[in-house]
Amino acid sequence: MCAQNAVRSPMAEAMAKHFFGKSIYVQSAGARRGEVDGFMLTVLDEIGIDAHKHKPKSIEELEEWEGLNFDLIISLSPEAHHKALNLTRTVAADVEYWPTIDPTVVQGSREQVLEAYREVRDGLMRRIKDRLRA
């Protein structure tokens, strides 16, 4: 879960599904719904992961569509973490906070912006592989 389900959490969802397939159930959501981010798609394409079908959704939309039957909620932004902790009043799930910078705030050349997205991607990839390894 991240702020808008546009960069960090869809990136994490796509990588978790790529590395672990159907052995674990993974869905991403945002504290609120944003718009698909082209840089996120680009840096995932660079490593052979396709997230082009991702449609941002809020945690409320996810709950409405699928329910919230999760053992673990990983939050990537302060706003998402606050919302995740509130969910534990009605959902029996553990919550972990992985503070992750928002690469959309980085300014500079296209390459500098892409590098910020790559750093987020690579950091999330390491954490996902370490945490979700069977």
N, C-alpha and C. Protein backbone atom coordinates (compact mmCIF):
# COMPACT_ATOMS: atom_id res chain seq x y z
N MET A 1 0.85 -1.17 0.00
CA MET A 1 0.00 0.00 0.00
C MET A 1 0.89 1.24 0.00
N CYS A 2 0.56 2.20 -0.86
CA CYS A 2 1.26 3.47 -0.86
C CYS A 2 0.23 4.58 -0.94
N ALA A 3 0.65 5.78 -1.25
CA ALA A 3 -0.26 6.92 -1.21
C ALA A 3 -1.33 6.86 -2.29
N GLN A 4 -0.93 6.60 -3.57
CA GLN A 4 -1.90 6.68 -4.67
C GLN A 4 -1.99 5.43 -5.53
N ASN A 5 -1.27 4.37 -5.18
CA ASN A 5 -1.26 3.14 -5.97
C ASN A 5 -0.88 3.43 -7.41
N ALA A 6 0.11 4.32 -7.57
CA ALA A 6 0.53 4.74 -8.91
C ALA A 6 1.99 4.42 -9.19
N VAL A 7 2.82 4.32 -8.15
CA VAL A 7 4.25 4.09 -8.37
C VAL A 7 4.76 2.95 -7.48
N ARG A 8 4.88 3.20 -6.20
CA ARG A 8 5.56 2.26 -5.29
C ARG A 8 4.81 0.94 -5.11
N SER A 9 3.55 1.00 -4.74
CA SER A 9 2.84 -0.27 -4.48
C SER A 9 2.57 -1.08 -5.75
N PRO A 10 2.23 -0.46 -6.90
CA PRO A 10 2.09 -1.31 -8.09
C PRO A 10 3.42 -1.90 -8.54
N MET A 11 4.51 -1.16 -8.30
CA MET A 11 5.83 -1.67 -8.61
C MET A 11 6.10 -2.92 -7.74
N ALA A 12 5.79 -2.81 -6.45
CA ALA A 12 6.00 -3.93 -5.53
C ALA A 12 5.09 -5.11 -5.89
N GLU A 13 3.84 -4.82 -6.22
CA GLU A 13 2.90 -5.88 -6.61
C GLU A 13 3.41 -6.63 -7.84
N ALA A 14 3.81 -5.90 -8.86
CA ALA A 14 4.27 -6.53 -10.10
C ALA A 14 5.50 -7.39 -9.86
N MET A 15 6.44 -6.90 -9.05
CA MET A 15 7.65 -7.68 -8.78
C MET A 15 7.33 -8.92 -7.94
N ALA A 16 6.49 -8.78 -6.93
CA ALA A 16 6.14 -9.94 -6.09
C ALA A 16 5.46 -11.01 -6.94
N LYS A 17 4.54 -10.60 -7.80
CA LYS A 17 3.86 -11.57 -8.66
C LYS A 17 4.85 -12.21 -9.64
N HIS A 18 5.79 -11.43 -10.13
CA HIS A 18 6.80 -11.95 -11.06
C HIS A 18 7.68 -12.99 -10.38
N PHE A 19 8.16 -12.68 -9.18
CA PHE A 19 9.10 -13.57 -8.50
C PHE A 19 8.43 -14.75 -7.80
N PHE A 20 7.18 -14.59 -7.35
CA PHE A 20 6.56 -15.63 -6.55
C PHE A 20 5.32 -16.25 -7.19
N GLY A 21 4.90 -15.73 -8.33
CA GLY A 21 3.77 -16.31 -9.04
C GLY A 21 2.54 -16.43 -8.18
N LYS A 22 1.90 -17.57 -8.24
CA LYS A 22 0.67 -17.79 -7.49
C LYS A 22 0.94 -18.42 -6.13
N SER A 23 2.19 -18.52 -5.73
CA SER A 23 2.48 -19.12 -4.43
C SER A 23 2.08 -18.21 -3.27
N ILE A 24 1.91 -16.92 -3.56
CA ILE A 24 1.38 -15.99 -2.56
C ILE A 24 0.35 -15.09 -3.24
N TYR A 25 -0.60 -14.61 -2.46
CA TYR A 25 -1.61 -13.70 -3.00
C TYR A 25 -1.17 -12.28 -2.72
N VAL A 26 -1.06 -11.48 -3.78
CA VAL A 26 -0.59 -10.10 -3.65
C VAL A 26 -1.53 -9.16 -4.39
N GLN A 27 -1.89 -8.07 -3.74
CA GLN A 27 -2.64 -6.99 -4.38
C GLN A 27 -2.12 -5.68 -3.83
N SER A 28 -2.12 -4.67 -4.63
CA SER A 28 -1.69 -3.35 -4.16
C SER A 28 -2.88 -2.41 -4.14
N ALA A 29 -2.75 -1.38 -3.33
CA ALA A 29 -3.78 -0.35 -3.24
C ALA A 29 -3.12 0.91 -2.70
N GLY A 30 -3.86 2.00 -2.79
CA GLY A 30 -3.37 3.26 -2.27
C GLY A 30 -4.28 3.79 -1.19
N ALA A 31 -3.74 4.69 -0.39
CA ALA A 31 -4.58 5.38 0.57
C ALA A 31 -5.68 6.12 -0.19
N ARG A 32 -5.33 6.54 -1.41
CA ARG A 32 -6.30 7.10 -2.35
C ARG A 32 -5.86 6.65 -3.75
N ARG A 33 -6.70 6.84 -4.74
CA ARG A 33 -6.39 6.37 -6.09
C ARG A 33 -5.76 7.49 -6.91
N GLY A 34 -4.64 7.18 -7.56
CA GLY A 34 -3.97 8.12 -8.44
C GLY A 34 -4.11 7.70 -9.89
N GLU A 35 -3.14 8.09 -10.69
CA GLU A 35 -3.10 7.75 -12.12
C GLU A 35 -1.84 6.92 -12.40
N VAL A 36 -1.91 6.03 -13.37
CA VAL A 36 -0.75 5.21 -13.74
C VAL A 36 0.42 6.13 -14.10
N ASP A 37 1.59 5.76 -13.64
CA ASP A 37 2.80 6.56 -13.84
C ASP A 37 3.68 5.91 -14.91
N GLY A 38 3.96 6.65 -15.96
CA GLY A 38 4.76 6.12 -17.07
C GLY A 38 6.18 5.76 -16.70
N PHE A 39 6.79 6.50 -15.79
CA PHE A 39 8.15 6.17 -15.37
C PHE A 39 8.17 4.83 -14.63
N MET A 40 7.14 4.55 -13.83
CA MET A 40 7.05 3.27 -13.13
C MET A 40 7.02 2.14 -14.14
N LEU A 41 6.20 2.30 -15.19
CA LEU A 41 6.12 1.27 -16.22
C LEU A 41 7.46 1.08 -16.92
N THR A 42 8.15 2.19 -17.19
CA THR A 42 9.43 2.14 -17.90
C THR A 42 10.48 1.37 -17.11
N VAL A 43 10.61 1.65 -15.81
CA VAL A 43 11.67 0.98 -15.05
C VAL A 43 11.34 -0.48 -14.80
N LEU A 44 10.07 -0.84 -14.79
CA LEU A 44 9.74 -2.27 -14.70
C LEU A 44 10.00 -2.95 -16.03
N ASP A 45 9.67 -2.28 -17.14
CA ASP A 45 9.97 -2.83 -18.47
C ASP A 45 11.46 -3.13 -18.60
N GLU A 46 12.29 -2.27 -18.03
CA GLU A 46 13.75 -2.46 -18.11
C GLU A 46 14.20 -3.80 -17.55
N ILE A 47 13.46 -4.34 -16.58
CA ILE A 47 13.85 -5.62 -15.98
C ILE A 47 12.91 -6.75 -16.40
N GLY A 48 12.12 -6.51 -17.45
CA GLY A 48 11.28 -7.56 -18.02
C GLY A 48 10.00 -7.83 -17.26
N ILE A 49 9.50 -6.86 -16.51
CA ILE A 49 8.24 -7.03 -15.78
C ILE A 49 7.22 -6.08 -16.37
N ASP A 50 6.08 -6.64 -16.78
CA ASP A 50 5.03 -5.85 -17.43
C ASP A 50 3.95 -5.49 -16.42
N ALA A 51 3.75 -4.19 -16.21
CA ALA A 51 2.68 -3.70 -15.32
C ALA A 51 1.71 -2.81 -16.08
N HIS A 52 1.68 -2.93 -17.39
CA HIS A 52 0.86 -2.04 -18.21
C HIS A 52 -0.63 -2.21 -18.00
N LYS A 53 -1.07 -3.33 -17.44
CA LYS A 53 -2.49 -3.53 -17.19
C LYS A 53 -2.92 -3.02 -15.81
N HIS A 54 -1.98 -2.49 -15.03
CA HIS A 54 -2.30 -2.01 -13.68
C HIS A 54 -3.30 -0.86 -13.73
N LYS A 55 -4.30 -0.95 -12.90
CA LYS A 55 -5.28 0.13 -12.74
C LYS A 55 -5.25 0.56 -11.27
N PRO A 56 -4.80 1.79 -10.98
CA PRO A 56 -4.74 2.24 -9.60
C PRO A 56 -6.09 2.12 -8.89
N LYS A 57 -6.02 1.72 -7.62
CA LYS A 57 -7.22 1.60 -6.81
C LYS A 57 -6.92 2.00 -5.37
N SER A 58 -7.93 2.48 -4.70
CA SER A 58 -7.79 2.83 -3.29
C SER A 58 -8.02 1.57 -2.45
N ILE A 59 -7.64 1.64 -1.19
CA ILE A 59 -7.87 0.50 -0.30
C ILE A 59 -9.37 0.23 -0.15
N GLU A 60 -10.19 1.28 -0.19
CA GLU A 60 -11.64 1.09 -0.10
C GLU A 60 -12.16 0.34 -1.33
N GLU A 61 -11.64 0.67 -2.50
CA GLU A 61 -12.05 -0.05 -3.72
C GLU A 61 -11.62 -1.51 -3.67
N LEU A 62 -10.41 -1.77 -3.19
CA LEU A 62 -9.94 -3.15 -3.06
C LEU A 62 -10.83 -3.92 -2.10
N GLU A 63 -11.17 -3.30 -0.99
CA GLU A 63 -12.05 -3.96 -0.02
C GLU A 63 -13.41 -4.28 -0.63
N GLU A 64 -13.95 -3.35 -1.40
CA GLU A 64 -15.25 -3.54 -2.03
C GLU A 64 -15.21 -4.65 -3.08
N TRP A 65 -14.13 -4.71 -3.87
CA TRP A 65 -14.03 -5.68 -4.96
C TRP A 65 -13.65 -7.07 -4.48
N GLU A 66 -12.69 -7.14 -3.55
CA GLU A 66 -12.13 -8.44 -3.21
C GLU A 66 -12.17 -8.76 -1.72
N GLY A 67 -12.48 -7.80 -0.89
CA GLY A 67 -12.35 -8.01 0.55
C GLY A 67 -10.91 -7.78 0.95
N LEU A 68 -10.67 -7.80 2.23
CA LEU A 68 -9.30 -7.57 2.73
C LEU A 68 -8.84 -8.79 3.52
N ASN A 69 -8.68 -9.89 2.83
CA ASN A 69 -8.27 -11.14 3.46
C ASN A 69 -6.76 -11.31 3.34
N PHE A 70 -6.02 -10.46 4.05
CA PHE A 70 -4.57 -10.47 3.96
C PHE A 70 -3.97 -10.81 5.32
N ASP A 71 -2.85 -11.52 5.28
CA ASP A 71 -2.10 -11.80 6.51
C ASP A 71 -1.14 -10.67 6.82
N LEU A 72 -0.71 -9.97 5.77
CA LEU A 72 0.31 -8.94 5.92
C LEU A 72 -0.01 -7.76 5.02
N ILE A 73 0.08 -6.57 5.59
CA ILE A 73 -0.04 -5.34 4.82
C ILE A 73 1.29 -4.61 4.95
N ILE A 74 1.90 -4.34 3.82
CA ILE A 74 3.17 -3.60 3.81
C ILE A 74 2.86 -2.20 3.30
N SER A 75 3.16 -1.22 4.14
CA SER A 75 2.91 0.18 3.75
C SER A 75 4.23 0.83 3.36
N LEU A 76 4.17 1.67 2.34
CA LEU A 76 5.38 2.27 1.77
C LEU A 76 5.44 3.78 1.93
N SER A 77 4.38 4.38 2.46
CA SER A 77 4.35 5.82 2.66
C SER A 77 3.69 6.11 4.01
N PRO A 78 3.97 7.27 4.61
CA PRO A 78 3.34 7.59 5.90
C PRO A 78 1.81 7.56 5.84
N GLU A 79 1.23 8.12 4.78
CA GLU A 79 -0.23 8.13 4.65
C GLU A 79 -0.80 6.72 4.58
N ALA A 80 -0.14 5.86 3.81
CA ALA A 80 -0.59 4.48 3.69
C ALA A 80 -0.41 3.73 5.01
N HIS A 81 0.66 4.01 5.72
CA HIS A 81 0.90 3.33 6.99
C HIS A 81 -0.20 3.68 8.00
N HIS A 82 -0.55 4.93 8.06
CA HIS A 82 -1.62 5.36 8.96
C HIS A 82 -2.92 4.63 8.62
N LYS A 83 -3.23 4.55 7.35
CA LYS A 83 -4.46 3.87 6.91
C LYS A 83 -4.39 2.37 7.21
N ALA A 84 -3.23 1.77 7.00
CA ALA A 84 -3.06 0.34 7.28
C ALA A 84 -3.26 0.04 8.76
N LEU A 85 -2.71 0.88 9.62
CA LEU A 85 -2.88 0.68 11.05
C LEU A 85 -4.36 0.80 11.44
N ASN A 86 -5.07 1.73 10.83
CA ASN A 86 -6.51 1.85 11.09
C ASN A 86 -7.26 0.59 10.67
N LEU A 87 -6.81 -0.05 9.60
CA LEU A 87 -7.47 -1.27 9.13
C LEU A 87 -7.38 -2.40 10.14
N THR A 88 -6.33 -2.41 10.95
CA THR A 88 -6.15 -3.52 11.89
C THR A 88 -7.19 -3.52 12.99
N ARG A 89 -8.01 -2.49 13.06
CA ARG A 89 -9.13 -2.51 14.02
C ARG A 89 -10.19 -3.51 13.59
N THR A 90 -10.27 -3.79 12.27
CA THR A 90 -11.28 -4.71 11.75
C THR A 90 -10.70 -5.86 10.93
N VAL A 91 -9.42 -5.81 10.62
CA VAL A 91 -8.76 -6.84 9.81
C VAL A 91 -7.61 -7.42 10.62
N ALA A 92 -7.58 -8.74 10.72
CA ALA A 92 -6.52 -9.41 11.49
C ALA A 92 -5.30 -9.61 10.59
N ALA A 93 -4.54 -8.55 10.41
CA ALA A 93 -3.35 -8.60 9.55
C ALA A 93 -2.19 -7.92 10.26
N ASP A 94 -1.00 -8.42 10.03
CA ASP A 94 0.20 -7.73 10.50
C ASP A 94 0.47 -6.57 9.56
N VAL A 95 1.09 -5.52 10.08
CA VAL A 95 1.44 -4.36 9.27
C VAL A 95 2.93 -4.10 9.42
N GLU A 96 3.60 -3.95 8.30
CA GLU A 96 5.01 -3.56 8.29
C GLU A 96 5.14 -2.26 7.51
N TYR A 97 5.99 -1.39 8.02
CA TYR A 97 6.22 -0.11 7.35
C TYR A 97 7.61 -0.14 6.73
N TRP A 98 7.67 -0.02 5.42
CA TRP A 98 8.92 0.07 4.68
C TRP A 98 9.00 1.48 4.11
N PRO A 99 9.53 2.45 4.85
CA PRO A 99 9.60 3.82 4.31
C PRO A 99 10.31 3.82 2.96
N THR A 100 9.63 4.33 1.95
CA THR A 100 10.15 4.33 0.59
C THR A 100 9.94 5.71 -0.01
N ILE A 101 11.02 6.29 -0.50
CA ILE A 101 10.90 7.65 -1.04
C ILE A 101 9.91 7.67 -2.21
N ASP A 102 9.31 8.80 -2.40
CA ASP A 102 8.40 9.00 -3.52
C ASP A 102 9.22 9.57 -4.68
N PRO A 103 9.51 8.78 -5.71
CA PRO A 103 10.37 9.27 -6.79
C PRO A 103 9.71 10.36 -7.64
N THR A 104 8.41 10.57 -7.49
CA THR A 104 7.75 11.61 -8.29
C THR A 104 8.17 13.01 -7.86
N VAL A 105 8.79 13.14 -6.71
CA VAL A 105 9.21 14.47 -6.24
C VAL A 105 10.59 14.86 -6.76
N VAL A 106 11.29 13.90 -7.38
CA VAL A 106 12.63 14.17 -7.89
C VAL A 106 12.53 15.03 -9.14
N GLN A 107 13.36 16.06 -9.19
CA GLN A 107 13.40 16.94 -10.35
C GLN A 107 14.76 16.81 -11.02
N GLY A 108 14.80 17.15 -12.28
CA GLY A 108 16.04 17.08 -13.04
C GLY A 108 15.76 16.56 -14.43
N SER A 109 16.80 16.05 -15.05
CA SER A 109 16.67 15.51 -16.40
C SER A 109 15.86 14.21 -16.36
N ARG A 110 15.43 13.77 -17.52
CA ARG A 110 14.71 12.50 -17.61
C ARG A 110 15.53 11.37 -17.00
N GLU A 111 16.82 11.35 -17.28
CA GLU A 111 17.68 10.30 -16.75
C GLU A 111 17.78 10.37 -15.23
N GLN A 112 17.84 11.57 -14.66
CA GLN A 112 17.90 11.71 -13.20
C GLN A 112 16.60 11.21 -12.56
N VAL A 113 15.48 11.52 -13.18
CA VAL A 113 14.19 11.06 -12.67
C VAL A 113 14.11 9.53 -12.77
N LEU A 114 14.49 8.98 -13.92
CA LEU A 114 14.48 7.53 -14.08
C LEU A 114 15.39 6.85 -13.06
N GLU A 115 16.52 7.45 -12.76
CA GLU A 115 17.43 6.88 -11.78
C GLU A 115 16.77 6.81 -10.40
N ALA A 116 15.99 7.82 -10.04
CA ALA A 116 15.27 7.80 -8.76
C ALA A 116 14.26 6.65 -8.74
N TYR A 117 13.56 6.44 -9.84
CA TYR A 117 12.61 5.33 -9.94
C TYR A 117 13.33 3.99 -9.87
N ARG A 118 14.49 3.90 -10.51
CA ARG A 118 15.26 2.65 -10.47
C ARG A 118 15.71 2.34 -9.04
N GLU A 119 16.11 3.37 -8.30
CA GLU A 119 16.52 3.15 -6.91
C GLU A 119 15.37 2.61 -6.08
N VAL A 120 14.17 3.16 -6.28
CA VAL A 120 12.99 2.66 -5.57
C VAL A 120 12.73 1.21 -6.00
N ARG A 121 12.74 0.95 -7.29
CA ARG A 121 12.51 -0.41 -7.81
C ARG A 121 13.50 -1.40 -7.21
N ASP A 122 14.78 -1.06 -7.24
CA ASP A 122 15.80 -1.99 -6.77
C ASP A 122 15.72 -2.20 -5.26
N GLY A 123 15.41 -1.15 -4.52
CA GLY A 123 15.25 -1.28 -3.07
C GLY A 123 14.06 -2.16 -2.72
N LEU A 124 12.94 -1.94 -3.40
CA LEU A 124 11.77 -2.77 -3.16
C LEU A 124 12.04 -4.22 -3.56
N MET A 125 12.74 -4.42 -4.65
CA MET A 125 13.04 -5.78 -5.11
C MET A 125 13.82 -6.55 -4.05
N ARG A 126 14.84 -5.92 -3.48
CA ARG A 126 15.63 -6.58 -2.43
C ARG A 126 14.76 -6.93 -1.23
N ARG A 127 13.96 -5.98 -0.79
CA ARG A 127 13.12 -6.21 0.40
C ARG A 127 12.07 -7.30 0.12
N ILE A 128 11.48 -7.28 -1.04
CA ILE A 128 10.45 -8.27 -1.37
C ILE A 128 11.05 -9.66 -1.40
N LYS A 129 12.19 -9.80 -2.05
CA LYS A 129 12.82 -11.12 -2.12
C LYS A 129 13.21 -11.61 -0.73
N ASP A 130 13.75 -10.74 0.10
CA ASP A 130 14.14 -11.13 1.45
C ASP A 130 12.93 -11.49 2.32
N ARG A 131 11.88 -10.68 2.25
CA ARG A 131 10.73 -10.85 3.15
C ARG A 131 9.81 -11.98 2.74
N LEU A 132 9.62 -12.16 1.45
CA LEU A 132 8.62 -13.13 0.98
C LEU A 132 9.20 -14.46 0.54
N ARG A 133 10.51 -14.59 0.67
CA ARG A 133 11.13 -15.86 0.30
C ARG A 133 10.53 -16.97 1.13
N ALA A 134 10.14 -18.05 0.48
CA ALA A 134 9.48 -19.18 1.16
C ALA A 134 10.40 -19.92 2.09
